[in-house]
């Protein structure tokens, strides 16, 4: 006999509908799965057989063929256990014909334990959201209990079942399944630290405020102990909360990666700080079974790369695409997967390997060759793509002891939210969300250079060697500065301040004098 029911697969962070077809025929007892299954699906044979038998059903001793269509797309994940087991039971007559309408309108996902109970799986949210497409005629989905709130977040009729026996009883009209209820709660707010805890470094704080308001990338250069890491880890405290649509998109990425620690939607902007020994695939995504990397896990949030020059040259250069296009394409022979990567990069580094080059009191122990090798890892194209370059100076004790209490993150955040509101109104008719994402046509419209600033930009390009991309970054940062001051037009002082944040372009050197 032949049976057919629905399940879902994952491609990147998006789900797609999969038809699970089961054929039971006479012949030598075999069990085969076709349709480009991965190793995890092939190994499901033992789980499916044991789950069916331990649920009180007889497993058919016949030739069983399971097809996962469309066959040209690779399938991965243990969530195909449930639909394959149900397909076998349906084809062997254990499910009544009266269940045909329910099966036609329902998708099934879940990993099976040997006793027939359902275990949680990854990627439930993006798979469930795939059922909301215009082409989908599937109205319901059945998931494991632990995935119930995640499925309900997609605003589709989701049911939860404890075991395969419960599902068979439901399909046969002998029982009911509980509806998955959407959690009204979101991820709890964590202690993010506060900018008031960082003394001095007013210049860096001002730059980070601009970066948060316009979604600009930042690199900080300074000696050990100057506050680079402290400032970076408090940066999320001045960022706005995610919108509901952004919450869903971020949660989708973490769901696919298996990193959701609770059933609640993620409301905090991600903050990822990978170690400098990270591989290219772990940073930007990929692998034999492609998964999102740290750049995608930082989507709508912050990617903090401490000791930036200690990362491998290949890892640093791999950031060129996401810094420019805000997405990552993982290309394979048979398919290409696109991961979103709209993050704020905050990179921090020392001016030399020992960290004390040009320090006012400590002597640098590095040779010129060591300094050159250290700097050469950060190429011009990467610096070009980083909007703001910040120089941090060491703090003296007298300055530290006499400084008054610094401004709180909440006060800074108020100004940032006002600037973001101005940008949202400005770009309400386009896909642009922040100043850093402006197109060339939008820059011509909203970044008109005042005549008094022409000479400044001419010097920047001719004397200091700024590239055309650097000038674009200056104008975008200038637009954000103007928004913070609620100025409709760019002014000379806005552009002059923005030029100060291209210090590494101007010197062509990361060994700056303090």
Protein backbone atom coordinates (compact mmCIF):
# COMPACT_ATOMS: atom_id res chain seq x y z
CA UNK A 1 0.00 0.00 0.00
CA UNK A 2 1.00 3.61 -0.50
CA UNK A 3 0.61 6.47 1.96
CA UNK A 4 1.46 10.14 1.84
CA UNK A 5 1.69 12.81 4.53
CA UNK A 6 3.48 16.10 5.16
CA UNK A 7 6.54 17.17 7.04
CA UNK A 8 9.00 20.07 6.81
CA UNK A 9 12.67 20.56 6.08
CA UNK A 10 15.24 23.32 6.54
CA UNK A 11 17.31 25.18 3.98
CA UNK A 12 19.41 27.83 5.66
CA UNK A 13 17.10 29.48 8.17
CA UNK A 14 13.95 28.93 6.11
CA UNK A 15 11.63 25.96 6.14
CA UNK A 16 10.15 24.14 3.16
CA UNK A 17 7.38 21.57 2.83
CA UNK A 18 8.39 17.93 2.40
CA UNK A 19 6.12 15.16 1.16
CA UNK A 20 6.77 11.87 2.98
CA UNK A 21 5.68 8.94 0.80
CA UNK A 22 5.73 5.37 2.11
CA UNK A 23 5.28 2.27 -0.03
CA UNK A 24 4.85 -1.18 1.54
CA UNK A 25 5.14 -4.04 -0.95
CA UNK A 26 5.61 -7.78 -0.91
CA UNK A 27 9.16 -9.06 -1.06
CA UNK A 28 12.20 -9.50 1.09
CA UNK A 29 11.99 -7.44 4.34
CA UNK A 30 13.90 -4.22 3.70
CA UNK A 31 13.68 -0.63 4.87
CA UNK A 32 15.15 2.09 2.65
CA UNK A 33 14.89 5.89 2.64
CA UNK A 34 15.43 7.85 -0.58
CA UNK A 35 15.27 11.55 -1.46
CA UNK A 36 18.76 12.77 -0.45
CA UNK A 37 18.56 11.91 3.28
CA UNK A 38 21.55 12.65 5.50
CA UNK A 39 23.15 10.14 7.87
CA UNK A 40 20.85 11.12 10.74
CA UNK A 41 17.76 10.24 8.69
CA UNK A 42 19.26 6.94 7.53
CA UNK A 43 19.98 6.01 11.15
CA UNK A 44 16.32 6.65 12.05
CA UNK A 45 15.45 3.10 10.96
CA UNK A 46 16.20 1.63 14.40
CA UNK A 47 14.27 4.37 16.22
CA UNK A 48 11.22 4.08 13.96
CA UNK A 49 11.01 0.28 14.21
CA UNK A 50 11.42 0.25 18.01
CA UNK A 51 8.97 3.16 18.51
CA UNK A 52 6.26 1.45 16.44
CA UNK A 53 6.67 -1.88 18.25
CA UNK A 54 6.87 -0.37 21.73
CA UNK A 55 3.73 1.68 21.01
CA UNK A 56 1.73 -1.54 20.65
CA UNK A 57 1.74 -1.88 16.85
CA UNK A 58 3.10 -4.67 14.68
CA UNK A 59 5.88 -3.55 12.36
CA UNK A 60 5.20 -4.83 8.81
CA UNK A 61 7.79 -7.41 7.75
CA UNK A 62 7.78 -6.38 4.10
CA UNK A 63 9.66 -4.26 1.60
CA UNK A 64 9.33 -0.66 2.85
CA UNK A 65 10.41 2.34 0.78
CA UNK A 66 10.25 5.88 2.16
CA UNK A 67 10.62 8.81 -0.24
CA UNK A 68 11.25 12.38 0.89
CA UNK A 69 10.20 14.79 -1.85
CA UNK A 70 11.33 17.03 -3.46
CA UNK A 71 14.15 14.57 -4.02
CA UNK A 72 16.67 17.13 -5.35
CA UNK A 73 16.94 18.99 -2.02
CA UNK A 74 19.07 17.48 0.73
CA UNK A 75 17.15 16.56 3.90
CA UNK A 76 18.67 16.61 7.36
CA UNK A 77 17.39 16.27 10.92
CA UNK A 78 15.83 13.76 13.29
CA UNK A 79 12.42 15.45 13.01
CA UNK A 80 11.54 13.14 10.08
CA UNK A 81 11.22 10.20 12.54
CA UNK A 82 7.57 10.95 13.31
CA UNK A 83 6.20 11.41 9.76
CA UNK A 84 8.06 8.29 8.54
CA UNK A 85 6.62 6.18 11.39
CA UNK A 86 3.11 7.53 10.80
CA UNK A 87 3.49 6.88 7.07
CA UNK A 88 4.32 3.23 7.79
CA UNK A 89 1.32 2.88 10.12
CA UNK A 90 -0.95 4.57 7.55
CA UNK A 91 0.26 2.34 4.71
CA UNK A 92 -0.15 -0.79 6.84
CA UNK A 93 -3.75 0.09 7.78
CA UNK A 94 -3.22 1.03 11.42
CA UNK A 95 -4.77 4.46 10.79
CA UNK A 96 -8.38 4.64 9.64
CA UNK A 97 -9.41 5.97 6.23
CA UNK A 98 -11.53 8.56 8.04
CA UNK A 99 -8.30 10.28 9.05
CA UNK A 100 -7.55 11.23 5.44
CA UNK A 101 -8.79 14.83 5.80
CA UNK A 102 -6.78 15.44 8.98
CA UNK A 103 -3.63 14.00 7.41
CA UNK A 104 -4.12 16.08 4.26
CA UNK A 105 -4.14 19.34 6.26
CA UNK A 106 -1.47 18.51 8.87
CA UNK A 107 2.33 18.48 8.97
CA UNK A 108 4.24 16.29 11.43
CA UNK A 109 7.68 16.84 12.99
CA UNK A 110 9.35 15.16 15.93
CA UNK A 111 12.14 12.82 16.99
CA UNK A 112 11.09 9.43 18.34
CA UNK A 113 12.38 7.79 21.49
CA UNK A 114 12.47 3.99 21.50
CA UNK A 115 9.33 3.88 23.63
CA UNK A 116 7.39 5.95 21.07
CA UNK A 117 7.47 9.26 22.94
CA UNK A 118 8.37 12.50 21.16
CA UNK A 119 11.58 14.40 21.79
CA UNK A 120 12.24 18.06 20.91
CA UNK A 121 13.95 19.00 17.64
CA UNK A 122 15.76 22.03 16.18
CA UNK A 123 14.33 24.59 13.77
CA UNK A 124 10.64 24.31 14.71
CA UNK A 125 9.93 28.04 14.36
CA UNK A 126 11.23 28.48 10.76
CA UNK A 127 9.65 25.19 9.70
CA UNK A 128 6.28 26.18 11.15
CA UNK A 129 6.50 29.63 9.53
CA UNK A 130 6.88 27.91 6.13
CA UNK A 131 3.25 26.78 6.46
CA UNK A 132 2.16 30.42 6.29
CA UNK A 133 3.28 30.79 2.68
CA UNK A 134 0.65 31.51 0.03
CA UNK A 135 1.30 28.19 -1.70
CA UNK A 136 0.76 26.11 1.43
CA UNK A 137 -2.61 24.43 1.96
CA UNK A 138 -1.51 22.86 5.25
CA UNK A 139 -3.32 24.45 8.18
CA UNK A 140 -2.08 22.42 11.18
CA UNK A 141 1.13 21.05 12.61
CA UNK A 142 1.82 18.47 15.33
CA UNK A 143 5.01 18.92 17.37
CA UNK A 144 6.66 17.54 20.53
CA UNK A 145 5.52 19.19 23.81
CA UNK A 146 8.88 20.92 24.36
CA UNK A 147 8.52 22.72 21.02
CA UNK A 148 4.91 23.81 21.57
CA UNK A 149 5.45 27.50 22.39
CA UNK A 150 8.00 27.85 19.60
CA UNK A 151 5.49 26.46 17.10
CA UNK A 152 2.69 28.65 18.44
CA UNK A 153 4.85 31.76 17.95
CA UNK A 154 4.39 31.33 14.19
CA UNK A 155 0.66 32.05 14.65
CA UNK A 156 -0.55 28.81 13.08
CA UNK A 157 -2.77 26.07 14.53
CA UNK A 158 -0.21 23.92 16.38
CA UNK A 159 -0.97 20.78 18.40
CA UNK A 160 1.34 18.97 20.79
CA UNK A 161 1.54 15.23 21.33
CA UNK A 162 3.44 13.18 23.89
CA UNK A 163 3.76 10.00 21.86
CA UNK A 164 3.05 8.36 18.54
CA UNK A 165 0.19 6.44 20.19
CA UNK A 166 -1.51 9.76 21.09
CA UNK A 167 -1.27 10.92 17.47
CA UNK A 168 -2.72 7.67 16.09
CA UNK A 169 -5.63 7.91 18.55
CA UNK A 170 -6.21 11.53 17.45
CA UNK A 171 -6.20 10.63 13.76
CA UNK A 172 -8.56 7.71 14.37
CA UNK A 173 -10.96 9.95 16.27
CA UNK A 174 -10.31 8.23 19.59
CA UNK A 175 -8.71 11.16 21.38
CA UNK A 176 -7.78 14.82 21.23
CA UNK A 177 -4.48 16.69 21.23
CA UNK A 178 -3.78 19.79 23.24
CA UNK A 179 -3.45 23.09 21.39
CA UNK A 180 -0.06 24.81 21.66
CA UNK A 181 -0.47 28.14 23.40
CA UNK A 182 1.74 31.09 22.54
CA UNK A 183 3.80 32.37 25.44
CA UNK A 184 3.12 36.03 26.16
CA UNK A 185 6.51 36.27 27.81
CA UNK A 186 9.75 37.04 26.04
CA UNK A 187 13.33 36.46 27.02
CA UNK A 188 14.13 37.96 30.40
CA UNK A 189 16.28 41.09 30.45
CA UNK A 190 19.81 40.41 31.60
CA UNK A 191 22.24 42.69 33.40
CA UNK A 192 24.06 44.33 30.49
CA UNK A 193 26.24 46.64 32.53
CA UNK A 194 26.10 50.41 32.26
CA UNK A 195 28.14 53.10 30.55
CA UNK A 196 28.28 54.99 33.85
CA UNK A 197 30.65 52.28 35.10
CA UNK A 198 33.26 53.36 32.52
CA UNK A 199 35.25 56.39 33.62
CA UNK A 200 36.85 58.79 31.15
CA UNK A 201 36.94 57.83 27.42
CA UNK A 202 34.30 60.44 26.56
CA UNK A 203 35.44 60.39 22.91
CA UNK A 204 34.88 56.63 22.64
CA UNK A 205 31.49 56.85 24.36
CA UNK A 206 30.39 59.54 21.93
CA UNK A 207 31.50 57.39 19.00
CA UNK A 208 29.64 54.34 20.30
CA UNK A 209 26.51 56.44 20.76
CA UNK A 210 26.71 57.43 17.08
CA UNK A 211 27.35 53.79 16.12
CA UNK A 212 24.26 52.61 18.00
CA UNK A 213 22.08 55.34 16.50
CA UNK A 214 23.09 54.62 12.89
CA UNK A 215 24.08 50.93 13.05
CA UNK A 216 27.71 51.72 12.18
CA UNK A 217 30.68 49.36 12.50
CA UNK A 218 33.50 50.35 14.86
CA UNK A 219 37.15 49.48 15.47
CA UNK A 220 38.87 50.58 18.68
CA UNK A 221 42.64 50.80 19.05
CA UNK A 222 44.24 51.30 22.43
CA UNK A 223 46.65 49.87 25.02
CA UNK A 224 45.66 47.12 27.47
CA UNK A 225 43.37 48.39 30.22
CA UNK A 226 42.11 51.42 28.31
CA UNK A 227 38.52 50.15 28.40
CA UNK A 228 37.99 48.59 24.96
CA UNK A 229 36.36 45.39 26.21
CA UNK A 230 34.48 47.15 28.98
CA UNK A 231 32.93 49.63 26.56
CA UNK A 232 32.09 46.92 24.02
CA UNK A 233 30.33 44.67 26.52
CA UNK A 234 28.19 47.59 27.71
CA UNK A 235 27.33 48.63 24.17
CA UNK A 236 24.14 46.47 24.07
CA UNK A 237 22.78 48.50 27.02
CA UNK A 238 22.25 51.50 24.71
CA UNK A 239 20.73 49.55 21.81
CA UNK A 240 16.94 49.57 21.25
CA UNK A 241 14.89 46.43 21.82
CA UNK A 242 14.11 44.21 18.88
CA UNK A 243 10.79 44.64 17.10
CA UNK A 244 8.47 41.61 16.99
CA UNK A 245 9.50 40.83 13.39
CA UNK A 246 13.17 41.08 14.36
CA UNK A 247 12.52 38.83 17.39
CA UNK A 248 11.10 36.17 15.08
CA UNK A 249 14.03 36.39 12.66
CA UNK A 250 16.66 36.18 15.39
CA UNK A 251 14.81 33.33 17.09
CA UNK A 252 14.68 31.47 13.75
CA UNK A 253 18.47 31.60 13.49
CA UNK A 254 18.96 30.36 17.05
CA UNK A 255 16.28 27.69 16.57
CA UNK A 256 18.07 26.29 13.51
CA UNK A 257 21.36 26.32 15.44
CA UNK A 258 19.82 24.56 18.46
CA UNK A 259 20.75 27.44 20.76
CA UNK A 260 17.31 28.35 22.12
CA UNK A 261 17.55 27.82 25.87
CA UNK A 262 13.85 28.37 26.51
CA UNK A 263 10.61 28.47 24.56
CA UNK A 264 10.45 32.26 24.78
CA UNK A 265 11.17 34.55 21.86
CA UNK A 266 14.49 36.37 21.97
CA UNK A 267 13.97 40.07 22.64
CA UNK A 268 17.54 41.09 23.44
CA UNK A 269 19.88 41.97 20.63
CA UNK A 270 22.48 39.20 20.32
CA UNK A 271 26.02 39.85 21.55
CA UNK A 272 28.53 37.36 20.17
CA UNK A 273 32.19 37.44 21.16
CA UNK A 274 33.98 34.46 19.58
CA UNK A 275 37.56 33.57 20.53
CA UNK A 276 40.27 34.61 18.12
CA UNK A 277 41.08 30.95 17.29
CA UNK A 278 37.68 30.52 15.59
CA UNK A 279 37.64 28.89 12.16
CA UNK A 280 36.28 30.53 9.02
CA UNK A 281 33.26 28.22 8.87
CA UNK A 282 32.40 28.86 12.52
CA UNK A 283 32.66 32.63 11.97
CA UNK A 284 30.64 33.03 8.77
CA UNK A 285 28.75 29.71 8.60
CA UNK A 286 28.96 26.62 6.45
CA UNK A 287 30.27 23.12 7.05
CA UNK A 288 29.29 19.78 5.55
CA UNK A 289 25.76 20.31 6.87
CA UNK A 290 25.65 24.12 6.67
CA UNK A 291 24.83 25.97 9.87
CA UNK A 292 24.79 29.70 10.68
CA UNK A 293 28.09 31.08 11.94
CA UNK A 294 28.82 33.73 14.57
CA UNK A 295 28.20 36.49 12.02
CA UNK A 296 24.62 35.27 11.51
CA UNK A 297 24.11 34.55 15.21
CA UNK A 298 24.90 38.25 15.74
CA UNK A 299 22.11 39.26 13.31
CA UNK A 300 20.45 42.51 14.46
CA UNK A 301 22.97 42.59 17.29
CA UNK A 302 26.70 42.93 17.95
CA UNK A 303 29.64 40.88 16.74
CA UNK A 304 32.51 41.71 19.10
CA UNK A 305 35.94 40.62 17.93
CA UNK A 306 38.38 41.26 20.74
CA UNK A 307 42.10 41.09 19.89
CA UNK A 308 41.04 41.65 16.27
CA UNK A 309 44.53 41.28 14.82
CA UNK A 310 44.97 37.89 16.52
CA UNK A 311 42.25 36.37 14.33
CA UNK A 312 43.56 34.54 11.28
CA UNK A 313 43.95 36.64 8.15
CA UNK A 314 41.50 34.37 6.32
CA UNK A 315 38.86 34.76 9.06
CA UNK A 316 39.16 38.55 9.00
CA UNK A 317 38.97 38.70 5.21
CA UNK A 318 35.90 36.46 5.23
CA UNK A 319 34.01 39.37 6.81
CA UNK A 320 34.24 41.45 3.63
CA UNK A 321 30.95 40.14 2.20
CA UNK A 322 28.77 40.48 5.34
CA UNK A 323 30.18 43.95 6.11
CA UNK A 324 29.20 45.11 2.63
CA UNK A 325 26.05 43.15 1.71
CA UNK A 326 24.84 42.28 5.23
CA UNK A 327 24.36 38.63 4.28
CA UNK A 328 26.46 35.52 3.77
CA UNK A 329 26.18 33.14 0.83
CA UNK A 330 27.40 29.58 1.42
CA UNK A 331 27.84 28.06 -2.03
CA UNK A 332 27.89 24.33 -2.67
CA UNK A 333 27.89 22.35 -5.92
CA UNK A 334 24.20 21.47 -5.68
CA UNK A 335 22.83 24.43 -3.73
CA UNK A 336 23.52 27.85 -2.27
CA UNK A 337 22.32 28.99 1.15
CA UNK A 338 21.99 32.62 2.20
CA UNK A 339 22.24 33.55 5.88
CA UNK A 340 21.36 37.04 7.14
CA UNK A 341 24.22 38.90 8.83
CA UNK A 342 23.03 42.41 9.63
CA UNK A 343 25.21 43.07 12.67
CA UNK A 344 27.24 45.89 14.19
CA UNK A 345 30.90 44.91 14.18
CA UNK A 346 32.91 46.12 17.15
CA UNK A 347 36.57 45.21 16.77
CA UNK A 348 39.17 45.91 19.44
CA UNK A 349 42.94 45.67 19.11
CA UNK A 350 46.22 46.83 20.60
CA UNK A 351 48.59 49.08 18.63
CA UNK A 352 51.27 46.34 18.66
CA UNK A 353 51.78 42.77 19.96
CA UNK A 354 52.85 43.91 23.45
CA UNK A 355 50.27 46.68 23.42
CA UNK A 356 52.47 49.59 24.49
CA UNK A 357 53.71 51.13 21.24
CA UNK A 358 53.81 54.93 21.72
CA UNK A 359 52.61 54.55 25.32
CA UNK A 360 53.54 57.65 27.36
CA UNK A 361 55.07 55.68 30.29
CA UNK A 362 55.62 52.05 29.23
CA UNK A 363 58.25 51.02 26.72
CA UNK A 364 57.31 48.88 23.75
CA UNK A 365 59.20 45.57 23.54
CA UNK A 366 58.25 44.77 19.92
CA UNK A 367 60.62 44.75 16.97
CA UNK A 368 59.65 46.64 13.79
CA UNK A 369 59.13 43.29 12.03
CA UNK A 370 56.74 42.12 14.75
CA UNK A 371 54.79 45.38 14.58
CA UNK A 372 54.54 45.18 10.77
CA UNK A 373 53.36 41.56 10.89
CA UNK A 374 50.82 42.44 13.56
CA UNK A 375 49.36 45.36 11.57
CA UNK A 376 49.36 43.60 8.21
CA UNK A 377 46.55 41.25 9.24
CA UNK A 378 44.11 44.16 9.04
CA UNK A 379 43.90 44.93 5.34
CA UNK A 380 42.83 48.20 3.75
CA UNK A 381 39.59 46.74 2.32
CA UNK A 382 38.52 45.64 5.81
CA UNK A 383 39.30 49.04 7.37
CA UNK A 384 37.44 50.66 4.48
CA UNK A 385 34.30 48.72 5.43
CA UNK A 386 34.44 49.76 9.09
CA UNK A 387 32.61 53.05 9.48
CA UNK A 388 34.32 54.43 12.58
CA UNK A 389 37.89 54.17 13.89
CA UNK A 390 38.39 55.10 17.53
CA UNK A 391 41.65 55.74 19.35
CA UNK A 392 41.65 55.13 23.11
CA UNK A 393 44.30 56.62 25.39
CA UNK A 394 45.55 55.17 28.70
CA UNK A 395 43.91 56.62 31.80
CA UNK A 396 46.06 58.23 34.46
CA UNK A 397 45.26 57.81 38.15
CA UNK A 398 44.67 61.54 38.73
CA UNK A 399 42.13 61.61 35.89
CA UNK A 400 40.45 58.41 37.09
CA UNK A 401 40.14 59.55 40.72
CA UNK A 402 38.84 63.05 39.95
CA UNK A 403 36.31 62.22 37.29
CA UNK A 404 32.63 62.71 38.23
CA UNK A 405 30.01 59.99 37.72
CA UNK A 406 29.55 59.26 34.02
CA UNK A 407 26.31 59.45 32.08
CA UNK A 408 24.01 56.43 32.43
CA UNK A 409 23.18 54.12 29.55
CA UNK A 410 19.48 54.93 29.94
CA UNK A 411 20.13 58.62 29.25
CA UNK A 412 22.25 57.83 26.20
CA UNK A 413 19.63 55.38 24.96
CA UNK A 414 16.93 58.08 25.00
CA UNK A 415 18.89 60.17 22.49
CA UNK A 416 19.56 57.10 20.37
CA UNK A 417 15.88 56.15 20.25
CA UNK A 418 14.98 59.67 19.12
CA UNK A 419 17.56 59.49 16.32
CA UNK A 420 16.32 56.04 15.28
CA UNK A 421 12.75 57.35 15.17
CA UNK A 422 13.90 60.10 12.76
CA UNK A 423 15.49 57.46 10.50
CA UNK A 424 12.41 55.23 10.54
CA UNK A 425 10.26 58.13 9.38
CA UNK A 426 12.82 59.10 6.75
CA UNK A 427 13.03 55.59 5.30
CA UNK A 428 9.39 54.61 5.82
CA UNK A 429 8.88 54.12 2.07
CA UNK A 430 12.01 52.01 1.49
CA UNK A 431 13.66 48.84 2.80
CA UNK A 432 16.44 50.88 4.41
CA UNK A 433 16.32 50.72 8.20
CA UNK A 434 19.36 52.74 9.31
CA UNK A 435 21.74 55.38 7.98
CA UNK A 436 24.53 52.84 7.50
CA UNK A 437 22.39 50.98 4.94
CA UNK A 438 21.63 53.99 2.72
CA UNK A 439 21.90 53.46 -1.01
CA UNK A 440 23.72 55.91 -3.31
CA UNK A 441 20.46 57.54 -4.35
CA UNK A 442 19.40 57.94 -0.72
CA UNK A 443 22.76 59.47 0.17
CA UNK A 444 22.35 62.05 -2.62
CA UNK A 445 18.96 62.94 -1.21
CA UNK A 446 19.69 62.98 2.53
CA UNK A 447 23.43 63.70 2.72
CA UNK A 448 23.80 66.93 0.76
CA UNK A 449 27.22 68.36 1.43
CA UNK A 450 27.25 72.01 2.53
CA UNK A 451 29.56 74.26 0.53
CA UNK A 452 31.61 75.02 3.63
CA UNK A 453 32.53 71.31 3.95
CA UNK A 454 33.69 70.71 0.36
CA UNK A 455 37.27 71.65 1.20
CA UNK A 456 37.30 69.25 4.17
CA UNK A 457 36.36 66.26 2.03
CA UNK A 458 38.80 67.31 -0.71
CA UNK A 459 41.67 67.31 1.80
CA UNK A 460 40.48 63.98 3.20
CA UNK A 461 40.65 62.31 -0.20
CA UNK A 462 43.71 64.01 -1.73
CA UNK A 463 46.00 64.58 1.23
CA UNK A 464 45.10 61.72 3.55
CA UNK A 465 44.30 59.15 0.87
CA UNK A 466 40.70 58.43 1.81
CA UNK A 467 38.93 56.12 -0.65
CA UNK A 468 35.52 56.78 -2.18
CA UNK A 469 34.06 54.19 0.20
CA UNK A 470 35.63 56.05 3.14
CA UNK A 471 33.94 59.26 2.04
CA UNK A 472 30.62 57.41 1.81
CA UNK A 473 31.14 56.18 5.38
CA UNK A 474 31.91 59.74 6.50
CA UNK A 475 28.68 61.05 4.98
CA UNK A 476 26.61 58.27 6.55
CA UNK A 477 28.14 58.89 9.97
CA UNK A 478 27.59 62.64 9.46
CA UNK A 479 23.91 61.96 8.78
CA UNK A 480 23.65 60.06 12.08
CA UNK A 481 25.37 62.88 13.98
CA UNK A 482 22.89 65.31 12.47
CA UNK A 483 19.99 63.05 13.50
CA UNK A 484 21.28 62.95 17.09
CA UNK A 485 21.22 66.75 17.04
CA UNK A 486 17.80 66.71 15.29
CA UNK A 487 19.20 68.66 12.37
CA UNK A 488 17.47 68.22 9.04
CA UNK A 489 20.54 69.27 7.02
CA UNK A 490 24.17 68.24 7.25
CA UNK A 491 26.43 70.94 8.65
CA UNK A 492 30.16 71.51 8.48
CA UNK A 493 30.67 70.49 12.12
CA UNK A 494 28.87 67.18 11.52
CA UNK A 495 31.26 66.28 8.71
CA UNK A 496 34.30 67.48 10.67
CA UNK A 497 33.37 65.20 13.56
CA UNK A 498 32.79 62.26 11.21
CA UNK A 499 36.24 62.74 9.65
CA UNK A 500 37.78 62.32 13.11
CA UNK A 501 36.42 58.78 13.18
CA UNK A 502 38.53 57.71 10.17
CA UNK A 503 41.85 57.99 12.01
CA UNK A 504 43.28 54.71 10.66
CA UNK A 505 42.63 55.83 7.09
CA UNK A 506 44.28 59.16 7.73
CA UNK A 507 47.46 57.74 9.23
CA UNK A 508 47.54 54.52 7.25
CA UNK A 509 48.87 53.09 10.50
CA UNK A 510 47.49 51.57 13.67
CA UNK A 511 50.49 52.69 15.71
CA UNK A 512 49.02 55.97 16.91
CA UNK A 513 50.58 58.47 19.25
CA UNK A 514 48.91 59.20 22.50
